Amino acid sequence: MCNCRGKIDPGSASRYITSLVHAHIPGLVDAWREIPMPVRDLLFDMFTWRFVFTRPEDLPRA
């Protein structure tokens, strides 16, 4: 998921997000807005929990 320098690998992050979506959303969804808000919140929390930044230098710069 992360490379040796602590950076997030986009490919594995994308696979992780896809697996979360498939596990928590029954059936096909045409647009993100069709996903119920509680499910969106859960997916966001699950993703951000997995990629917690612990050092200030890891935080994105504005």
N, C-alpha and C. Protein backbone atom coordinates (compact mmCIF):
# COMPACT_ATOMS: atom_id res chain seq x y z
N MET A 1 0.82 -1.18 0.00
CA MET A 1 0.00 0.00 0.00
C MET A 1 0.87 1.25 0.00
N CYS A 2 1.90 1.27 0.83
CA CYS A 2 2.83 2.40 0.86
C CYS A 2 4.20 1.93 0.40
N ASN A 3 4.92 2.83 -0.26
CA ASN A 3 6.27 2.45 -0.68
C ASN A 3 7.24 2.70 0.47
N CYS A 4 8.50 2.48 0.23
CA CYS A 4 9.50 2.56 1.30
C CYS A 4 9.67 3.97 1.85
N ARG A 5 9.25 5.00 1.13
CA ARG A 5 9.38 6.37 1.62
C ARG A 5 8.10 6.87 2.29
N GLY A 6 7.15 5.99 2.55
CA GLY A 6 5.93 6.37 3.23
C GLY A 6 4.88 7.02 2.35
N LYS A 7 5.06 6.98 1.05
CA LYS A 7 4.09 7.57 0.13
C LYS A 7 3.01 6.54 -0.20
N ILE A 8 1.79 7.02 -0.44
CA ILE A 8 0.69 6.13 -0.80
C ILE A 8 0.81 5.76 -2.26
N ASP A 9 0.73 4.46 -2.54
CA ASP A 9 0.76 3.96 -3.91
C ASP A 9 -0.65 4.12 -4.50
N PRO A 10 -0.82 4.93 -5.55
CA PRO A 10 -2.16 5.17 -6.11
C PRO A 10 -2.87 3.89 -6.55
N GLY A 11 -2.13 2.94 -7.11
CA GLY A 11 -2.76 1.71 -7.58
C GLY A 11 -3.36 0.90 -6.46
N SER A 12 -2.62 0.71 -5.39
CA SER A 12 -3.15 -0.08 -4.28
C SER A 12 -4.23 0.69 -3.52
N ALA A 13 -4.10 2.01 -3.43
CA ALA A 13 -5.15 2.80 -2.79
C ALA A 13 -6.45 2.71 -3.58
N SER A 14 -6.33 2.76 -4.91
CA SER A 14 -7.51 2.63 -5.76
C SER A 14 -8.17 1.27 -5.61
N ARG A 15 -7.36 0.21 -5.55
CA ARG A 15 -7.91 -1.13 -5.34
C ARG A 15 -8.61 -1.23 -3.99
N TYR A 16 -8.02 -0.61 -2.96
CA TYR A 16 -8.62 -0.64 -1.63
C TYR A 16 -9.97 0.08 -1.63
N ILE A 17 -10.03 1.25 -2.25
CA ILE A 17 -11.29 2.01 -2.33
C ILE A 17 -12.33 1.20 -3.08
N THR A 18 -11.94 0.60 -4.19
CA THR A 18 -12.87 -0.22 -4.97
C THR A 18 -13.40 -1.38 -4.15
N SER A 19 -12.53 -2.04 -3.39
CA SER A 19 -12.98 -3.16 -2.57
C SER A 19 -13.95 -2.69 -1.49
N LEU A 20 -13.72 -1.50 -0.91
CA LEU A 20 -14.66 -0.97 0.08
C LEU A 20 -16.02 -0.69 -0.55
N VAL A 21 -16.01 -0.07 -1.72
CA VAL A 21 -17.26 0.24 -2.40
C VAL A 21 -18.03 -1.03 -2.73
N HIS A 22 -17.35 -2.02 -3.27
CA HIS A 22 -18.02 -3.27 -3.63
C HIS A 22 -18.57 -3.99 -2.40
N ALA A 23 -17.87 -3.90 -1.29
CA ALA A 23 -18.30 -4.59 -0.07
C ALA A 23 -19.50 -3.91 0.61
N HIS A 24 -19.66 -2.60 0.42
CA HIS A 24 -20.68 -1.88 1.17
C HIS A 24 -21.85 -1.35 0.34
N ILE A 25 -21.80 -1.53 -0.97
CA ILE A 25 -22.88 -1.03 -1.82
C ILE A 25 -23.43 -2.18 -2.64
N PRO A 26 -24.66 -2.59 -2.33
CA PRO A 26 -25.26 -3.67 -3.11
C PRO A 26 -25.70 -3.18 -4.48
N GLY A 27 -25.41 -3.93 -5.50
CA GLY A 27 -25.85 -3.59 -6.84
C GLY A 27 -25.02 -2.51 -7.52
N LEU A 28 -25.49 -2.11 -8.69
CA LEU A 28 -24.78 -1.11 -9.49
C LEU A 28 -25.17 0.30 -9.07
N VAL A 29 -24.23 1.21 -9.15
CA VAL A 29 -24.47 2.61 -8.84
C VAL A 29 -23.92 3.42 -10.01
N ASP A 30 -24.76 4.31 -10.56
CA ASP A 30 -24.34 5.12 -11.70
C ASP A 30 -23.57 6.37 -11.30
N ALA A 31 -23.86 6.90 -10.13
CA ALA A 31 -23.20 8.14 -9.71
C ALA A 31 -22.98 8.12 -8.20
N TRP A 32 -21.95 8.82 -7.77
CA TRP A 32 -21.61 8.90 -6.35
C TRP A 32 -22.79 9.44 -5.54
N ARG A 33 -23.57 10.37 -6.10
CA ARG A 33 -24.70 10.97 -5.38
C ARG A 33 -25.80 9.96 -5.08
N GLU A 34 -25.81 8.81 -5.77
CA GLU A 34 -26.82 7.78 -5.51
C GLU A 34 -26.48 6.95 -4.27
N ILE A 35 -25.26 7.06 -3.79
CA ILE A 35 -24.85 6.31 -2.61
C ILE A 35 -25.36 7.04 -1.38
N PRO A 36 -26.05 6.34 -0.47
CA PRO A 36 -26.57 7.01 0.73
C PRO A 36 -25.45 7.68 1.53
N MET A 37 -25.76 8.83 2.12
CA MET A 37 -24.76 9.59 2.87
C MET A 37 -24.11 8.78 4.00
N PRO A 38 -24.86 7.97 4.76
CA PRO A 38 -24.18 7.18 5.80
C PRO A 38 -23.13 6.22 5.22
N VAL A 39 -23.39 5.69 4.04
CA VAL A 39 -22.41 4.79 3.40
C VAL A 39 -21.20 5.59 2.94
N ARG A 40 -21.42 6.77 2.38
CA ARG A 40 -20.30 7.63 1.97
C ARG A 40 -19.42 7.97 3.17
N ASP A 41 -20.07 8.34 4.28
CA ASP A 41 -19.32 8.68 5.49
C ASP A 41 -18.51 7.49 5.99
N LEU A 42 -19.12 6.31 5.97
CA LEU A 42 -18.42 5.10 6.41
C LEU A 42 -17.21 4.82 5.53
N LEU A 43 -17.38 4.90 4.22
CA LEU A 43 -16.27 4.65 3.31
C LEU A 43 -15.15 5.67 3.51
N PHE A 44 -15.51 6.93 3.68
CA PHE A 44 -14.50 7.96 3.92
C PHE A 44 -13.73 7.68 5.21
N ASP A 45 -14.47 7.35 6.27
CA ASP A 45 -13.82 7.06 7.55
C ASP A 45 -12.91 5.84 7.45
N MET A 46 -13.35 4.80 6.75
CA MET A 46 -12.53 3.60 6.60
C MET A 46 -11.26 3.90 5.82
N PHE A 47 -11.37 4.71 4.77
CA PHE A 47 -10.20 5.04 3.96
C PHE A 47 -9.23 5.91 4.75
N THR A 48 -9.74 6.96 5.39
CA THR A 48 -8.84 7.85 6.10
C THR A 48 -8.21 7.18 7.31
N TRP A 49 -8.92 6.25 7.94
CA TRP A 49 -8.33 5.52 9.07
C TRP A 49 -7.14 4.70 8.60
N ARG A 50 -7.26 4.12 7.42
CA ARG A 50 -6.18 3.28 6.90
C ARG A 50 -4.95 4.11 6.53
N PHE A 51 -5.16 5.34 6.11
CA PHE A 51 -4.06 6.20 5.66
C PHE A 51 -3.85 7.37 6.62
N VAL A 52 -3.77 7.07 7.90
CA VAL A 52 -3.55 8.11 8.90
C VAL A 52 -2.13 8.66 8.76
N PHE A 53 -2.03 9.98 8.75
CA PHE A 53 -0.73 10.63 8.68
C PHE A 53 -0.28 10.95 10.09
N THR A 54 0.90 10.52 10.45
CA THR A 54 1.38 10.72 11.81
C THR A 54 2.46 11.79 11.92
N ARG A 55 3.07 12.15 10.80
CA ARG A 55 4.12 13.16 10.84
C ARG A 55 3.66 14.40 10.09
N PRO A 56 3.98 15.59 10.58
CA PRO A 56 3.57 16.82 9.89
C PRO A 56 4.05 16.86 8.44
N GLU A 57 5.23 16.32 8.17
CA GLU A 57 5.74 16.36 6.79
C GLU A 57 4.96 15.45 5.85
N ASP A 58 4.13 14.54 6.39
CA ASP A 58 3.31 13.67 5.55
C ASP A 58 2.01 14.34 5.11
N LEU A 59 1.63 15.43 5.77
CA LEU A 59 0.38 16.09 5.44
C LEU A 59 0.48 16.79 4.09
N PRO A 60 -0.62 16.80 3.33
CA PRO A 60 -0.58 17.48 2.03
C PRO A 60 -0.38 18.98 2.21
N ARG A 61 0.31 19.57 1.28
CA ARG A 61 0.54 21.01 1.33
C ARG A 61 -0.52 21.71 0.50
N ALA A 62 -0.99 22.85 1.00
CA ALA A 62 -2.04 23.61 0.31
C ALA A 62 -1.50 24.32 -0.91
